[in-house]
Amino acid sequence: MQLTRKRIIAAAIELIERDGVTAVSMGLLATELGCGLMSLYNHVPSKNALLDGVADQVMSGIEVTAAPGASWEERVRAQARAFRQIARAYPRCTMVVVSRPPGSATSVRLAENALATVRAAGFSGPDSVRIVRAFVAFIMGSLLCEVGVAPGLTRGEDDEVTPPALRLQAGQFPQLMDLAAELTEKNPDADFEFGLDLLVHAVAALHPARH
């Protein structure tokens, strides 16, 4: 198969999702693709350029759909959901996106649209930046909770496989024990929508029209 930049970026995305970004090197990528290292450099000049390409490709998959004439709240919700959809599909690559300086117009288009939406609603420049940062932080935090590994709370017959530090006593941690079923229940979609509503309502309370 012919070696192309598109094929290289696709292989890098797959490698990052499988092994993490720290495992990626140009040499390993060349091995994965079955090509020479210099052939790789003919298409992607450096690892930084490779990661820029990964960020660009991942962000290009974001599709925001909002009804014509939608309120700024619904537009922000649509943008947040679109970002989350891509983040869930490519969680490790999304971490690359948010941890690197923007490398192309595509990789910052979501932020541009979000800022435009909030400013059009009447918020100041500084407040708009803080609002968008709050939404990004919420989305990335929810992503970490969803795809990460968190200790569970177990009782009864499962105690033998529960680490000693997690064998909680009701008298010591009454809230955790009382809400153990709720804490161990996994419903990422419901949690995300609940948090998104809280954040949108909090931002709406700051709306300039209120004054």
Protein backbone atom coordinates (compact mmCIF):
# COMPACT_ATOMS: atom_id res chain seq x y z
CA MET A 1 0.00 0.00 0.00
CA GLN A 2 1.31 3.42 -0.92
CA LEU A 3 2.69 5.51 1.93
CA THR A 4 0.80 8.78 2.27
CA ARG A 5 0.51 11.44 4.94
CA LYS A 6 -3.12 10.46 5.49
CA ARG A 7 -2.14 6.84 6.10
CA ILE A 8 0.64 7.90 8.47
CA ILE A 9 -1.71 10.09 10.52
CA ALA A 10 -4.31 7.31 10.68
CA ALA A 11 -1.66 4.87 11.93
CA ALA A 12 -0.50 7.38 14.55
CA ILE A 13 -4.07 7.83 15.81
CA GLU A 14 -4.48 4.08 16.12
CA LEU A 15 -1.14 3.76 17.91
CA ILE A 16 -1.94 6.58 20.36
CA GLU A 17 -5.35 5.11 21.20
CA ARG A 18 -3.79 1.69 21.71
CA ASP A 19 -0.59 2.51 23.62
CA GLY A 20 -0.75 6.20 24.57
CA VAL A 21 1.09 9.18 23.17
CA THR A 22 4.26 8.56 25.20
CA ALA A 23 4.75 5.25 23.38
CA VAL A 24 4.72 6.90 19.97
CA SER A 25 7.99 7.46 18.14
CA MET A 26 8.79 7.94 14.49
CA GLY A 27 10.77 4.68 14.55
CA LEU A 28 7.91 2.69 16.03
CA LEU A 29 5.48 4.23 13.56
CA ALA A 30 7.75 3.27 10.66
CA THR A 31 7.81 -0.29 11.95
CA GLU A 32 4.01 -0.34 12.28
CA LEU A 33 3.69 0.85 8.69
CA GLY A 34 6.42 -1.43 7.37
CA CYS A 35 8.40 1.39 5.81
CA GLY A 36 11.79 3.01 6.22
CA LEU A 37 12.25 5.86 8.67
CA MET A 38 13.38 8.27 5.96
CA SER A 39 10.28 7.45 3.92
CA LEU A 40 8.23 8.53 6.91
CA TYR A 41 10.09 11.83 7.21
CA ASN A 42 9.36 12.58 3.56
CA HIS A 43 5.70 12.98 4.54
CA VAL A 44 5.90 14.09 8.19
CA PRO A 45 9.07 16.04 9.08
CA SER A 46 8.97 15.54 12.87
CA LYS A 47 7.04 14.08 15.79
CA ASN A 48 5.61 17.52 16.53
CA ALA A 49 4.31 17.72 12.99
CA LEU A 50 2.87 14.23 13.41
CA LEU A 51 0.98 15.22 16.58
CA ASP A 52 -0.25 18.39 14.89
CA GLY A 53 -1.62 16.19 12.13
CA VAL A 54 -3.29 13.93 14.67
CA ALA A 55 -4.95 16.90 16.39
CA ASP A 56 -6.08 18.32 13.06
CA GLN A 57 -7.56 15.00 11.92
CA VAL A 58 -9.41 14.38 15.18
CA MET A 59 -10.86 17.89 15.36
CA SER A 60 -11.95 17.77 11.71
CA GLY A 61 -14.43 15.05 12.70
CA ILE A 62 -16.47 17.38 14.92
CA GLU A 63 -19.90 18.14 13.50
CA VAL A 64 -22.07 20.63 15.36
CA THR A 65 -25.77 20.56 14.60
CA ALA A 66 -28.09 23.20 16.02
CA ALA A 67 -31.50 24.24 14.73
CA PRO A 68 -31.67 27.56 12.88
CA GLY A 69 -32.48 30.32 15.32
CA ALA A 70 -31.47 28.22 18.33
CA SER A 71 -30.71 30.08 21.54
CA TRP A 72 -27.13 30.53 22.64
CA GLU A 73 -27.74 27.95 25.37
CA GLU A 74 -28.78 25.31 22.85
CA ARG A 75 -25.88 26.20 20.56
CA VAL A 76 -23.42 25.80 23.44
CA ARG A 77 -25.00 22.47 24.35
CA ALA A 78 -24.69 21.28 20.74
CA GLN A 79 -21.03 22.29 20.62
CA ALA A 80 -20.30 20.56 23.94
CA ARG A 81 -22.02 17.36 22.81
CA ALA A 82 -20.16 17.36 19.50
CA PHE A 83 -16.82 17.76 21.26
CA ARG A 84 -17.70 15.00 23.70
CA GLN A 85 -18.67 12.65 20.87
CA ILE A 86 -15.23 12.99 19.30
CA ALA A 87 -13.51 12.82 22.69
CA ARG A 88 -15.24 9.53 23.47
CA ALA A 89 -14.22 8.11 20.09
CA TYR A 90 -10.60 9.24 20.46
CA PRO A 91 -9.99 9.87 24.19
CA ARG A 92 -6.20 9.68 24.14
CA CYS A 93 -5.90 11.73 20.98
CA THR A 94 -8.22 14.34 22.47
CA MET A 95 -5.80 14.65 25.38
CA VAL A 96 -3.13 15.38 22.78
CA VAL A 97 -5.36 18.08 21.27
CA VAL A 98 -5.97 19.96 24.52
CA SER A 99 -2.38 19.65 25.76
CA ARG A 100 -0.69 21.08 22.66
CA PRO A 101 -0.57 24.54 21.09
CA PRO A 102 -2.99 24.75 18.15
CA GLY A 103 -1.33 23.75 14.90
CA SER A 104 -4.00 24.60 12.34
CA ALA A 105 -7.26 26.45 11.80
CA THR A 106 -9.13 23.14 11.95
CA SER A 107 -7.86 22.31 15.42
CA VAL A 108 -9.11 25.59 16.89
CA ARG A 109 -12.38 25.88 14.95
CA LEU A 110 -14.46 24.53 17.86
CA ALA A 111 -13.00 27.11 20.24
CA GLU A 112 -13.56 29.88 17.68
CA ASN A 113 -17.22 28.89 17.26
CA ALA A 114 -17.76 28.56 21.00
CA LEU A 115 -16.26 32.00 21.67
CA ALA A 116 -18.36 33.51 18.87
CA THR A 117 -21.52 31.96 20.32
CA VAL A 118 -20.87 33.25 23.83
CA ARG A 119 -19.82 36.73 22.74
CA ALA A 120 -22.86 37.03 20.48
CA ALA A 121 -24.95 36.33 23.58
CA GLY A 122 -23.54 39.51 25.10
CA PHE A 123 -20.73 38.30 27.35
CA SER A 124 -17.49 40.24 27.55
CA GLY A 125 -14.26 38.95 26.02
CA PRO A 126 -12.67 37.91 29.34
CA ASP A 127 -15.89 36.26 30.56
CA SER A 128 -16.29 34.45 27.22
CA VAL A 129 -12.81 32.95 27.53
CA ARG A 130 -13.50 31.79 31.08
CA ILE A 131 -16.86 30.31 30.09
CA VAL A 132 -15.37 28.33 27.20
CA ARG A 133 -12.53 27.12 29.43
CA ALA A 134 -15.09 25.97 32.01
CA PHE A 135 -16.95 23.94 29.39
CA VAL A 136 -13.73 22.37 28.09
CA ALA A 137 -12.65 21.50 31.63
CA PHE A 138 -16.04 19.92 32.34
CA ILE A 139 -15.99 17.86 29.13
CA MET A 140 -12.45 16.63 29.70
CA GLY A 141 -13.19 15.86 33.34
CA SER A 142 -16.26 13.85 32.40
CA LEU A 143 -14.16 12.03 29.80
CA LEU A 144 -11.57 11.06 32.41
CA CYS A 145 -14.29 9.72 34.69
CA GLU A 146 -15.85 7.76 31.85
CA VAL A 147 -12.80 6.14 30.28
CA GLY A 148 -10.53 6.05 33.34
CA VAL A 149 -10.34 3.36 36.02
CA ALA A 150 -11.96 4.22 39.34
CA PRO A 151 -12.12 2.01 42.45
CA GLY A 152 -15.54 0.60 43.21
CA LEU A 153 -17.33 0.07 46.47
CA THR A 154 -18.22 -3.54 47.14
CA ARG A 155 -19.69 -5.45 50.04
CA GLY A 156 -20.57 -8.98 51.01
CA GLU A 157 -19.32 -11.82 48.82
CA ASP A 158 -17.07 -9.50 46.84
CA ASP A 159 -15.09 -8.45 49.91
CA GLU A 160 -12.34 -10.98 49.23
CA VAL A 161 -11.41 -9.21 45.97
CA THR A 162 -11.72 -5.69 47.38
CA PRO A 163 -8.44 -4.02 48.42
CA PRO A 164 -8.28 -3.54 52.21
CA ALA A 165 -8.23 0.25 51.82
CA LEU A 166 -11.66 0.09 50.16
CA ARG A 167 -13.36 -2.11 52.75
CA LEU A 168 -15.26 0.78 54.23
CA GLN A 169 -17.03 0.67 57.57
CA ALA A 170 -20.50 2.23 57.73
CA GLY A 171 -19.62 4.06 60.94
CA GLN A 172 -16.58 5.70 59.38
CA PHE A 173 -18.09 6.67 56.03
CA PRO A 174 -21.88 6.67 56.38
CA GLN A 175 -22.53 8.71 53.22
CA LEU A 176 -20.40 6.49 51.03
CA MET A 177 -21.97 3.35 52.41
CA ASP A 178 -25.52 4.69 52.15
CA LEU A 179 -24.99 5.78 48.53
CA ALA A 180 -22.82 2.83 47.47
CA ALA A 181 -25.31 1.66 44.84
CA GLU A 182 -25.56 5.14 43.29
CA LEU A 183 -21.80 5.62 43.37
CA THR A 184 -21.12 2.37 41.56
CA GLU A 185 -23.86 2.83 38.98
CA LYS A 186 -22.45 3.88 35.61
CA ASN A 187 -24.52 6.18 33.40
CA PRO A 188 -22.05 8.53 31.68
CA ASP A 189 -24.67 10.03 29.37
CA ALA A 190 -27.00 10.99 32.21
CA ASP A 191 -24.09 12.34 34.27
CA PHE A 192 -22.87 14.43 31.33
CA GLU A 193 -26.29 15.91 30.56
CA PHE A 194 -26.87 16.70 34.24
CA GLY A 195 -23.52 18.46 34.52
CA LEU A 196 -24.02 20.26 31.23
CA ASP A 197 -27.37 21.61 32.40
CA LEU A 198 -25.83 22.79 35.67
CA LEU A 199 -23.07 24.62 33.81
CA VAL A 200 -25.38 26.19 31.23
CA HIS A 201 -27.76 27.41 33.94
CA ALA A 202 -24.86 28.82 35.96
CA VAL A 203 -23.57 30.70 32.93
CA ALA A 204 -27.08 31.92 32.09
CA ALA A 205 -27.30 33.43 35.57
CA LEU A 206 -24.35 35.65 34.63
CA HIS A 207 -25.97 36.77 31.37
CA PRO A 208 -25.61 40.53 30.78
CA ALA A 209 -29.35 40.79 30.03
CA ARG A 210 -29.98 39.99 33.69
CA HIS A 211 -28.72 43.48 34.55
